[in-house]
Amino acid sequence: MKNYQQSLSIKASPAAVYAALTTIDGLRAWWTQDCEGGTAIGDTLEFRFSVCYKDMRIEKLEPGSEVRWLCTRAHIVAESVSRADEWVGTHIVFRISDAGLGRTLLDLEHIGLLPSLQCYTLCQNGWQHFLTSLQQFLETGTGTPFALAGQQQTPSTERRAAA
């Protein structure tokens, strides 16, 4: 069975893509505004989506090249999912390469996110949405992350997050 994979060509530098994947402000700008944790190898990033959550241990950081996380804790709430922790033990790998002409190729591989998992379709749709959000954030300064209840991101907040 094949792991989930998605590739994007982003009009941004490899350094900007790397920053969006490795800083709390960057992650809040495209994935979820409810994100906290450390940003060094061995640290844990905590991502919250209302009642759902995913904790990722940072396993690899190669500036402008690769970011790798291991999911150590997860809770997915959906009618179609009876096992809320299906992500635990999966690896998320972001591979970054300079595509020339001011573009970066980002290859995501979610190792262990297989079509046989109950959460696969839900997570496939989620990755498609949030990777599009990442691309929009990097290209326009405005992503579409999961928002905290009662809050919306403003363009000025997004510009600060990109810095």
Protein backbone atom coordinates (compact mmCIF):
# COMPACT_ATOMS: atom_id res chain seq x y z
CA MET A 1 0.00 0.00 0.00
CA LYS A 2 1.17 3.50 -0.80
CA ASN A 3 1.71 6.30 1.73
CA TYR A 4 -0.12 9.57 1.16
CA GLN A 5 1.93 11.93 -1.02
CA GLN A 6 1.37 15.38 -2.47
CA SER A 7 3.64 17.79 -4.35
CA LEU A 8 3.38 21.53 -4.78
CA SER A 9 5.25 24.08 -6.86
CA ILE A 10 5.31 27.24 -4.74
CA LYS A 11 6.36 30.72 -5.84
CA ALA A 12 8.66 31.26 -2.85
CA SER A 13 12.23 30.54 -1.86
CA PRO A 14 13.23 27.26 -0.19
CA ALA A 15 14.15 29.33 2.90
CA ALA A 16 10.62 30.80 3.09
CA VAL A 17 9.04 27.35 2.71
CA TYR A 18 11.34 25.96 5.41
CA ALA A 19 10.43 28.84 7.77
CA ALA A 20 6.70 28.19 7.26
CA LEU A 21 7.28 24.57 8.33
CA THR A 22 9.62 25.20 11.26
CA THR A 23 8.40 28.29 13.12
CA ILE A 24 5.34 28.57 15.33
CA ASP A 25 4.21 31.74 13.51
CA GLY A 26 4.64 30.00 10.15
CA LEU A 27 2.68 26.91 11.22
CA ARG A 28 -0.09 29.07 12.68
CA ALA A 29 -0.38 30.92 9.38
CA TRP A 30 -1.27 27.87 7.28
CA TRP A 31 -2.17 24.79 9.40
CA THR A 32 -3.81 25.75 12.70
CA GLN A 33 -3.74 28.90 14.77
CA ASP A 34 -3.78 26.66 17.88
CA CYS A 35 -0.18 25.50 17.70
CA GLU A 36 2.57 25.58 20.30
CA GLY A 37 5.73 23.80 21.29
CA GLY A 38 9.44 23.75 20.64
CA THR A 39 11.13 24.09 17.29
CA ALA A 40 14.34 22.06 17.73
CA ILE A 41 15.05 18.40 16.99
CA GLY A 42 13.53 16.30 19.78
CA ASP A 43 10.96 18.97 20.71
CA THR A 44 7.21 18.39 20.42
CA LEU A 45 4.82 20.52 18.40
CA GLU A 46 1.21 20.45 19.55
CA PHE A 47 -1.45 21.07 16.90
CA ARG A 48 -5.08 21.55 17.97
CA PHE A 49 -8.17 21.55 15.75
CA SER A 50 -11.00 22.15 18.26
CA VAL A 51 -11.48 18.71 19.92
CA CYS A 52 -8.97 17.02 17.59
CA TYR A 53 -5.23 17.18 18.19
CA LYS A 54 -1.93 15.88 16.90
CA ASP A 55 1.44 16.02 18.68
CA MET A 56 4.56 15.79 16.54
CA ARG A 57 8.10 15.16 17.71
CA ILE A 58 10.58 16.92 15.46
CA GLU A 59 12.96 14.28 14.11
CA LYS A 60 14.89 16.05 11.37
CA LEU A 61 15.55 19.66 10.37
CA GLU A 62 17.71 20.32 7.31
CA PRO A 63 17.37 24.01 6.40
CA GLY A 64 16.00 24.48 2.90
CA SER A 65 15.89 20.72 2.36
CA GLU A 66 13.83 18.53 4.73
CA VAL A 67 11.58 18.59 7.79
CA ARG A 68 10.48 15.32 9.43
CA TRP A 69 8.02 14.77 12.28
CA LEU A 70 6.84 11.68 14.17
CA CYS A 71 3.26 11.70 15.44
CA THR A 72 3.41 10.72 19.12
CA ARG A 73 -0.17 11.51 20.14
CA ALA A 74 -3.38 12.04 18.17
CA HIS A 75 -7.10 12.28 18.63
CA ILE A 76 -9.32 12.42 15.53
CA VAL A 77 -13.03 12.95 16.06
CA ALA A 78 -15.17 11.95 13.07
CA GLU A 79 -18.16 9.65 12.57
CA SER A 80 -16.23 7.51 10.11
CA VAL A 81 -13.27 7.00 12.49
CA SER A 82 -13.55 4.55 15.38
CA ARG A 83 -9.83 4.58 16.22
CA ALA A 84 -9.03 8.19 17.12
CA ASP A 85 -5.26 7.65 17.29
CA GLU A 86 -4.60 6.33 13.77
CA TRP A 87 -1.89 8.93 13.18
CA VAL A 88 0.27 7.77 16.11
CA GLY A 89 3.50 6.29 14.78
CA THR A 90 3.17 7.91 11.36
CA HIS A 91 5.89 10.17 9.97
CA ILE A 92 5.33 13.40 8.09
CA VAL A 93 8.17 14.32 5.77
CA PHE A 94 8.42 17.61 3.90
CA ARG A 95 11.11 17.59 1.20
CA ILE A 96 12.06 21.00 -0.17
CA SER A 97 13.99 21.67 -3.37
CA ASP A 98 14.77 24.75 -5.42
CA ALA A 99 12.82 24.53 -8.68
CA GLY A 100 14.47 27.63 -10.17
CA LEU A 101 12.85 30.82 -11.42
CA GLY A 102 11.83 31.79 -7.87
CA ARG A 103 9.89 28.57 -7.24
CA THR A 104 10.27 25.76 -4.72
CA LEU A 105 9.09 22.18 -5.07
CA LEU A 106 7.58 20.83 -1.86
CA ASP A 107 7.00 17.09 -1.63
CA LEU A 108 4.95 15.86 1.32
CA GLU A 109 4.97 12.19 2.24
CA HIS A 110 2.85 11.09 5.18
CA ILE A 111 4.44 7.72 5.91
CA GLY A 112 1.89 5.38 7.44
CA LEU A 113 -1.16 7.31 6.21
CA LEU A 114 -2.47 4.48 4.06
CA PRO A 115 -5.76 4.04 2.15
CA SER A 116 -6.65 1.20 4.55
CA LEU A 117 -6.95 3.61 7.51
CA GLN A 118 -10.42 4.82 8.45
CA CYS A 119 -9.19 8.43 8.54
CA TYR A 120 -7.53 8.29 5.10
CA THR A 121 -10.15 10.17 3.05
CA LEU A 122 -10.70 12.74 5.81
CA CYS A 123 -6.94 13.28 6.14
CA GLN A 124 -6.37 13.32 2.37
CA ASN A 125 -8.93 16.12 2.08
CA GLY A 126 -7.34 17.88 5.06
CA TRP A 127 -3.83 17.72 3.59
CA GLN A 128 -5.11 19.04 0.25
CA HIS A 129 -6.78 21.98 1.99
CA PHE A 130 -3.89 22.82 4.30
CA LEU A 131 -1.15 22.44 1.68
CA THR A 132 -3.14 24.81 -0.54
CA SER A 133 -3.29 27.09 2.53
CA LEU A 134 0.52 26.83 2.83
CA GLN A 135 0.94 27.74 -0.83
CA GLN A 136 -1.46 30.69 -0.51
CA PHE A 137 0.29 31.91 2.64
CA LEU A 138 3.71 31.82 0.98
CA GLU A 139 2.54 33.39 -2.28
CA THR A 140 0.10 36.00 -0.97
CA GLY A 141 0.68 36.37 2.79
CA THR A 142 -2.79 34.96 3.52
CA GLY A 143 -3.33 31.31 4.39
CA THR A 144 -6.49 29.52 5.51
CA PRO A 145 -5.45 27.75 8.72
CA PHE A 146 -7.85 26.16 11.16
CA ALA A 147 -9.01 29.18 13.17
CA LEU A 148 -9.52 29.45 16.90
CA ALA A 149 -13.18 29.83 17.81
CA GLY A 150 -14.30 33.42 17.32
CA GLN A 151 -11.06 34.52 15.66
CA GLN A 152 -10.17 35.23 12.08
CA GLN A 153 -6.75 36.00 10.77
CA THR A 154 -6.24 39.47 9.39
CA PRO A 155 -3.82 40.31 6.58
CA SER A 156 -1.55 42.20 8.99
CA THR A 157 -1.39 39.15 11.30
CA GLU A 158 -0.48 36.97 8.32
CA ARG A 159 2.28 39.32 7.20
CA ARG A 160 3.76 39.25 10.72
CA ALA A 161 3.53 35.43 10.68
CA ALA A 162 5.53 35.33 7.45
CA ALA A 163 8.39 37.29 8.99
